[in-house]
Amino acid sequence: MNHKAMLLSICTLLVCSVTAIAQDIGIIATKTVDTMTELAQGPHKGFRANHAKGTFVAGTFTPGTEAKKLSAAPHFQTAVPVVVRFSTGTGVPTLPDASPHARPYGMAIRFNLPDRSFTDIVSISYNGFPVSKPEQFLELLTAIKNAPTETTKPTALDKFMAAHPAAATFAKDPKPVPMSFANQPFFGVNSFIFEDLNGKQQYFRYRIVPKAGIKHMADPDAEKATADVLMSEIQTRVIAAPVEFLLQAQLPNHGDALLDGSQTWPDDRTIVELGTIKLDSIPADVTQLDKQMFNPLILPKGIVASADPVLQFRPAAYAVSYGRRL
């Protein structure tokens, strides 16, 4: 075989391999959304398959000096407008905000960049993810769906939890109801890579810390809370006075898992202050905003996606949900 034919053969194999991987991701994404929809007793027309219930607020992100050193991203060079969607978990759009099933909560942030493009952060109110791979997430959802009908012990869900300690920890860890979304920290559980103006790279994970402090409801108060207690409160609050969050980057030590969101990095790792998110208004075009899809892989120069398989899978699942709700 000559060099040209060999090169053509290698390229063909690579294309076939990439196509097969993309097809597998598409199948898993479709089945994942199908299962989420079943768990939510849907479909619920016009709503997301997960984090169906949400509310929008808006404001500004102002970068700090350290952000400019770490990344060439445009929103780390100058202040930009932001839109934030706070949400409850599951695909049930009428789920009470303080329900145990509503947690972890979500905070999605859209940074509107100077060139009229945008970039998104998708975060949750729990530091970690139950699994490290998309197929494991589908297996977990399927086990949850089938658990009520299983009579043989241990159930598939029992077996899954025994084999996946991070999922068991995720399930049993307390997730208290905050007094307000303004009192709730959020975490980007997948890693990304900063790239500075000289091309130097640095892995990191996002943390979003409320300046008003972390405050939770007592259990009796949460049990008797109104259905929209958090959604209505945050809108009232931002109109009365700005709500601020610190956007941080947690940096790993050597040996920390870079591509596995189910393995959290210890709290003693270096934290860099990236800037301040100041929320002070309600956007006028909420109906149009809610038709959009937040995508953590829409990234500007200066931020690179890691190869974390769950991160790479997220936009595929979001796209399936997005197509169905529109």
Protein backbone atom coordinates (compact mmCIF):
# COMPACT_ATOMS: atom_id res chain seq x y z
CA MET A 1 0.00 0.00 0.00
CA ASN A 2 1.44 3.41 -0.99
CA HIS A 3 1.57 6.34 1.42
CA LYS A 4 -1.43 8.10 -0.16
CA ALA A 5 -3.60 4.99 0.06
CA MET A 6 -2.47 4.36 3.65
CA LEU A 7 -3.32 7.95 4.63
CA LEU A 8 -6.75 7.65 2.98
CA SER A 9 -7.37 4.38 4.82
CA ILE A 10 -6.43 5.93 8.20
CA CYS A 11 -8.66 8.95 7.55
CA THR A 12 -11.58 6.68 6.64
CA LEU A 13 -11.14 4.70 9.86
CA LEU A 14 -11.04 7.92 11.89
CA VAL A 15 -14.19 9.29 10.25
CA CYS A 16 -16.02 6.00 10.82
CA SER A 17 -14.89 5.94 14.45
CA VAL A 18 -16.01 9.54 15.11
CA THR A 19 -19.34 8.88 13.37
CA ALA A 20 -19.94 5.77 15.49
CA ILE A 21 -19.16 7.68 18.69
CA ALA A 22 -21.53 10.48 17.67
CA GLN A 23 -24.27 7.94 16.91
CA ASP A 24 -23.77 6.28 20.30
CA ILE A 25 -23.99 9.64 22.08
CA GLY A 26 -27.14 10.46 20.13
CA ILE A 27 -28.79 7.16 21.09
CA ILE A 28 -27.89 7.56 24.78
CA ALA A 29 -29.06 11.19 24.74
CA THR A 30 -32.42 10.23 23.24
CA LYS A 31 -32.94 7.38 25.71
CA THR A 32 -31.91 9.63 28.62
CA VAL A 33 -34.47 12.29 27.67
CA ASP A 34 -37.10 9.57 27.11
CA THR A 35 -36.48 8.19 30.62
CA MET A 36 -36.49 11.64 32.25
CA THR A 37 -39.79 12.36 30.53
CA GLU A 38 -41.29 9.13 31.85
CA LEU A 39 -40.09 9.89 35.38
CA ALA A 40 -41.73 13.31 35.14
CA GLN A 41 -44.96 11.69 33.87
CA GLY A 42 -44.61 13.75 30.71
CA PRO A 43 -44.18 14.90 28.10
CA HIS A 44 -45.05 18.37 29.34
CA LYS A 45 -45.44 20.40 26.17
CA GLY A 46 -43.08 23.34 25.90
CA PHE A 47 -40.98 22.43 28.95
CA ARG A 48 -37.46 21.08 29.38
CA ALA A 49 -37.01 17.38 30.17
CA ASN A 50 -35.04 18.41 33.26
CA HIS A 51 -35.05 21.65 35.25
CA ALA A 52 -38.43 22.34 33.71
CA LYS A 53 -39.48 25.00 36.21
CA GLY A 54 -37.44 28.17 36.23
CA THR A 55 -37.33 31.94 36.45
CA PHE A 56 -35.12 34.60 34.83
CA VAL A 57 -33.24 37.56 36.26
CA ALA A 58 -30.63 39.80 34.66
CA GLY A 59 -27.68 42.00 35.46
CA THR A 60 -23.95 42.41 34.85
CA PHE A 61 -20.77 40.41 35.26
CA THR A 62 -17.68 42.42 36.19
CA PRO A 63 -14.38 40.52 35.95
CA GLY A 64 -11.61 40.68 38.54
CA THR A 65 -7.93 41.20 37.84
CA GLU A 66 -7.04 37.52 38.33
CA ALA A 67 -9.49 36.42 35.62
CA LYS A 68 -7.64 38.50 33.02
CA LYS A 69 -4.40 36.72 33.90
CA LEU A 70 -5.88 33.23 33.58
CA SER A 71 -7.97 33.57 30.45
CA ALA A 72 -8.20 35.55 27.22
CA ALA A 73 -12.01 35.17 27.24
CA PRO A 74 -13.71 38.50 26.39
CA HIS A 75 -15.96 38.56 29.47
CA PHE A 76 -12.84 38.34 31.64
CA GLN A 77 -11.50 41.51 30.02
CA THR A 78 -14.53 43.81 30.42
CA ALA A 79 -17.93 43.91 32.11
CA VAL A 80 -20.76 42.27 30.15
CA PRO A 81 -24.55 41.83 30.56
CA VAL A 82 -25.77 38.50 31.94
CA VAL A 83 -29.06 36.64 32.06
CA VAL A 84 -29.53 33.99 34.76
CA ARG A 85 -32.09 31.19 34.94
CA PHE A 86 -32.68 29.67 38.37
CA SER A 87 -34.49 26.34 38.23
CA THR A 88 -35.73 23.34 40.17
CA GLY A 89 -34.76 19.79 39.30
CA THR A 90 -36.82 17.20 37.35
CA GLY A 91 -39.06 17.66 34.34
CA VAL A 92 -42.18 18.46 36.40
CA PRO A 93 -43.05 22.12 35.69
CA THR A 94 -45.46 22.39 38.64
CA LEU A 95 -43.13 20.88 41.24
CA PRO A 96 -43.10 22.92 44.49
CA ASP A 97 -39.80 24.74 44.96
CA ALA A 98 -39.17 23.18 48.38
CA SER A 99 -39.98 19.62 47.34
CA PRO A 100 -37.21 17.07 48.03
CA HIS A 101 -37.41 16.18 44.33
CA ALA A 102 -36.68 19.78 43.32
CA ARG A 103 -33.07 19.49 44.44
CA PRO A 104 -30.40 19.98 43.31
CA TYR A 105 -31.40 23.37 41.93
CA GLY A 106 -29.91 24.85 38.78
CA MET A 107 -28.29 28.15 37.91
CA ALA A 108 -27.61 28.76 34.22
CA ILE A 109 -25.75 31.94 33.27
CA ARG A 110 -25.54 33.53 29.83
CA PHE A 111 -22.78 36.08 29.28
CA ASN A 112 -23.63 38.37 26.35
CA LEU A 113 -20.26 39.21 24.81
CA PRO A 114 -19.17 42.46 23.11
CA ASP A 115 -19.24 40.92 19.62
CA ARG A 116 -22.93 39.92 20.16
CA SER A 117 -22.07 36.26 20.68
CA PHE A 118 -22.54 34.59 24.05
CA THR A 119 -21.18 31.90 26.32
CA ASP A 120 -22.97 29.90 29.04
CA ILE A 121 -22.28 28.33 32.42
CA VAL A 122 -24.57 25.51 33.58
CA SER A 123 -24.29 24.76 37.30
CA ILE A 124 -26.16 22.93 40.07
CA SER A 125 -26.55 23.39 43.82
CA TYR A 126 -24.58 20.24 44.68
CA ASN A 127 -20.84 19.85 44.45
CA GLY A 128 -20.52 16.70 42.36
CA PHE A 129 -22.36 14.45 39.96
CA PRO A 130 -23.59 10.90 40.66
CA VAL A 131 -21.71 9.24 37.78
CA SER A 132 -18.72 9.74 35.52
CA LYS A 133 -20.15 8.58 32.18
CA PRO A 134 -23.36 9.21 30.19
CA GLU A 135 -24.26 5.51 29.92
CA GLN A 136 -24.05 5.22 33.71
CA PHE A 137 -26.45 8.15 34.07
CA LEU A 138 -28.94 6.42 31.77
CA GLU A 139 -28.54 3.20 33.75
CA LEU A 140 -29.24 5.10 36.99
CA LEU A 141 -32.35 6.80 35.60
CA THR A 142 -33.64 3.47 34.26
CA ALA A 143 -33.09 1.81 37.64
CA ILE A 144 -34.99 4.64 39.37
CA LYS A 145 -37.83 4.33 36.89
CA ASN A 146 -38.14 0.55 37.36
CA ALA A 147 -37.58 0.47 41.14
CA PRO A 148 -41.28 0.74 42.16
CA THR A 149 -42.18 -2.41 40.20
CA GLU A 150 -39.26 -4.59 41.30
CA THR A 151 -40.01 -7.18 43.97
CA THR A 152 -36.68 -9.03 44.02
CA LYS A 153 -34.06 -7.73 46.43
CA PRO A 154 -31.57 -6.30 45.89
CA THR A 155 -33.17 -4.25 43.13
CA ALA A 156 -31.31 -2.93 40.11
CA LEU A 157 -31.18 0.42 41.90
CA ASP A 158 -29.68 -1.20 45.01
CA LYS A 159 -27.04 -2.88 42.87
CA PHE A 160 -26.26 0.33 41.02
CA MET A 161 -25.78 2.28 44.23
CA ALA A 162 -23.52 -0.44 45.64
CA ALA A 163 -21.36 -0.33 42.52
CA HIS A 164 -21.24 3.47 42.27
CA PRO A 165 -20.33 5.09 45.62
CA ALA A 166 -20.58 8.63 44.21
CA ALA A 167 -24.21 8.01 43.25
CA ALA A 168 -24.98 6.63 46.72
CA THR A 169 -23.37 9.70 48.29
CA PHE A 170 -25.27 12.00 45.94
CA ALA A 171 -28.55 10.33 46.93
CA LYS A 172 -28.05 10.41 50.69
CA ASP A 173 -26.29 13.76 51.15
CA PRO A 174 -28.57 16.47 52.61
CA LYS A 175 -29.71 19.11 50.15
CA PRO A 176 -31.47 21.71 52.28
CA VAL A 177 -33.82 24.34 50.89
CA PRO A 178 -32.20 27.79 50.79
CA MET A 179 -33.92 30.84 52.23
CA SER A 180 -33.49 32.31 48.76
CA PHE A 181 -31.63 31.49 45.57
CA ALA A 182 -29.53 34.47 46.71
CA ASN A 183 -28.33 32.29 49.62
CA GLN A 184 -27.47 29.19 47.59
CA PRO A 185 -24.00 28.29 46.26
CA PHE A 186 -23.76 26.56 42.88
CA PHE A 187 -21.10 24.36 41.29
CA GLY A 188 -19.94 23.59 37.78
CA VAL A 189 -19.22 19.91 38.28
CA ASN A 190 -17.29 19.39 35.02
CA SER A 191 -13.83 20.79 34.38
CA PHE A 192 -12.84 23.29 31.71
CA ILE A 193 -9.47 24.71 30.65
CA PHE A 194 -8.44 28.35 30.78
CA GLU A 195 -6.10 29.59 28.07
CA ASP A 196 -4.33 32.90 28.55
CA LEU A 197 -3.06 35.34 25.94
CA ASN A 198 0.19 33.37 25.65
CA GLY A 199 -1.53 30.01 25.20
CA LYS A 200 -0.81 28.77 28.72
CA GLN A 201 -3.53 26.37 29.90
CA GLN A 202 -5.01 25.67 33.34
CA TYR A 203 -7.76 23.19 34.30
CA PHE A 204 -10.51 24.51 36.58
CA ARG A 205 -14.07 24.06 37.81
CA TYR A 206 -16.56 26.86 38.43
CA ARG A 207 -17.93 27.77 41.85
CA ILE A 208 -20.62 30.40 42.36
CA VAL A 209 -20.84 31.78 45.89
CA PRO A 210 -23.64 34.04 47.22
CA LYS A 211 -22.38 37.30 48.71
CA ALA A 212 -25.42 37.34 51.03
CA GLY A 213 -24.16 34.16 52.69
CA ILE A 214 -25.42 30.58 52.74
CA LYS A 215 -28.75 30.34 54.60
CA HIS A 216 -31.22 27.47 54.69
CA MET A 217 -34.83 27.02 55.76
CA ALA A 218 -35.64 24.93 58.79
CA ASP A 219 -37.34 21.68 57.76
CA PRO A 220 -40.77 22.68 59.16
CA ASP A 221 -40.64 25.96 57.22
CA ALA A 222 -39.68 24.16 54.03
CA GLU A 223 -42.54 21.68 54.45
CA LYS A 224 -45.16 24.43 54.65
CA ALA A 225 -43.58 26.75 52.05
CA THR A 226 -45.68 27.91 49.12
CA ALA A 227 -45.21 26.18 45.77
CA ASP A 228 -43.30 29.07 44.18
CA VAL A 229 -41.48 30.30 47.27
CA LEU A 230 -38.03 30.56 45.67
CA MET A 231 -39.11 31.65 42.20
CA SER A 232 -41.23 34.55 43.44
CA GLU A 233 -38.79 35.56 46.19
CA ILE A 234 -35.79 36.01 43.90
CA GLN A 235 -37.74 38.23 41.51
CA THR A 236 -38.99 40.41 44.34
CA ARG A 237 -35.50 40.56 45.84
CA VAL A 238 -33.60 41.69 42.73
CA ILE A 239 -36.09 44.50 42.15
CA ALA A 240 -35.67 45.71 45.74
CA ALA A 241 -31.85 45.50 45.82
CA PRO A 242 -29.07 43.89 43.75
CA VAL A 243 -28.22 40.24 44.39
CA GLU A 244 -24.55 39.41 44.00
CA PHE A 245 -22.57 36.21 43.51
CA LEU A 246 -18.83 35.67 43.33
CA LEU A 247 -17.78 33.66 40.29
CA GLN A 248 -14.77 31.55 41.26
CA ALA A 249 -12.45 29.02 39.67
CA GLN A 250 -11.27 26.05 41.72
CA LEU A 251 -7.87 24.81 40.53
CA PRO A 252 -6.83 21.15 40.91
CA ASN A 253 -3.73 19.74 42.50
CA HIS A 254 -1.62 17.14 40.74
CA GLY A 255 -3.49 13.83 40.79
CA ASP A 256 -7.01 15.29 41.09
CA ALA A 257 -9.53 13.79 38.65
CA LEU A 258 -9.79 16.15 35.69
CA LEU A 259 -12.33 14.25 33.59
CA ASP A 260 -14.67 12.81 36.21
CA GLY A 261 -17.31 15.11 37.69
CA SER A 262 -18.32 12.46 40.22
CA GLN A 263 -15.00 13.03 42.02
CA THR A 264 -15.05 16.39 43.77
CA TRP A 265 -11.89 18.32 44.43
CA PRO A 266 -11.13 18.98 48.12
CA ASP A 267 -12.05 22.39 49.52
CA ASP A 268 -8.40 23.18 50.27
CA ARG A 269 -7.61 23.55 46.55
CA THR A 270 -6.70 27.00 45.24
CA ILE A 271 -9.68 29.29 44.62
CA VAL A 272 -9.36 32.20 42.18
CA GLU A 273 -11.87 35.07 42.20
CA LEU A 274 -13.01 35.58 38.60
CA GLY A 275 -15.45 38.41 39.20
CA THR A 276 -18.88 39.44 40.45
CA ILE A 277 -22.31 38.65 39.06
CA LYS A 278 -24.69 41.47 39.99
CA LEU A 279 -28.40 40.73 39.38
CA ASP A 280 -30.69 43.75 39.52
CA SER A 281 -33.52 43.40 36.99
CA ILE A 282 -36.12 41.16 35.36
CA PRO A 283 -35.58 40.72 31.61
CA ALA A 284 -38.41 41.96 29.42
CA ASP A 285 -38.26 39.12 26.89
CA VAL A 286 -38.71 36.14 29.25
CA THR A 287 -40.91 34.20 26.80
CA GLN A 288 -38.23 34.32 24.12
CA LEU A 289 -35.46 33.65 26.61
CA ASP A 290 -37.17 30.51 27.83
CA LYS A 291 -37.19 29.12 24.30
CA GLN A 292 -33.41 29.18 24.21
CA MET A 293 -31.03 26.41 25.21
CA PHE A 294 -28.12 26.96 27.57
CA ASN A 295 -25.10 25.14 26.17
CA PRO A 296 -21.90 24.76 28.24
CA LEU A 297 -19.86 24.02 25.13
CA ILE A 298 -20.47 27.37 23.42
CA LEU A 299 -17.10 28.78 24.41
CA PRO A 300 -15.12 31.86 23.40
CA LYS A 301 -11.39 32.03 22.85
CA GLY A 302 -9.74 31.66 26.24
CA ILE A 303 -11.88 28.78 27.54
CA VAL A 304 -11.59 25.20 26.25
CA ALA A 305 -13.86 22.26 27.05
CA SER A 306 -12.24 19.33 28.78
CA ALA A 307 -12.74 15.78 27.50
CA ASP A 308 -14.99 14.92 30.48
CA PRO A 309 -17.52 12.53 28.84
CA VAL A 310 -20.48 13.90 30.81
CA LEU A 311 -19.61 17.46 29.75
CA GLN A 312 -19.33 16.38 26.12
CA PHE A 313 -22.68 14.58 26.43
CA ARG A 314 -24.67 17.44 27.96
CA PRO A 315 -25.33 19.45 24.76
CA ALA A 316 -26.53 16.31 22.97
CA ALA A 317 -29.13 15.60 25.66
CA TYR A 318 -30.08 19.28 25.86
CA ALA A 319 -30.54 19.36 22.09
CA VAL A 320 -32.96 16.40 22.17
CA SER A 321 -35.00 18.11 24.90
CA TYR A 322 -34.77 21.45 23.09
CA GLY A 323 -36.07 20.00 19.83
CA ARG A 324 -39.04 18.38 21.57
CA ARG A 325 -40.14 21.40 23.58
CA LEU A 326 -40.10 23.63 20.50
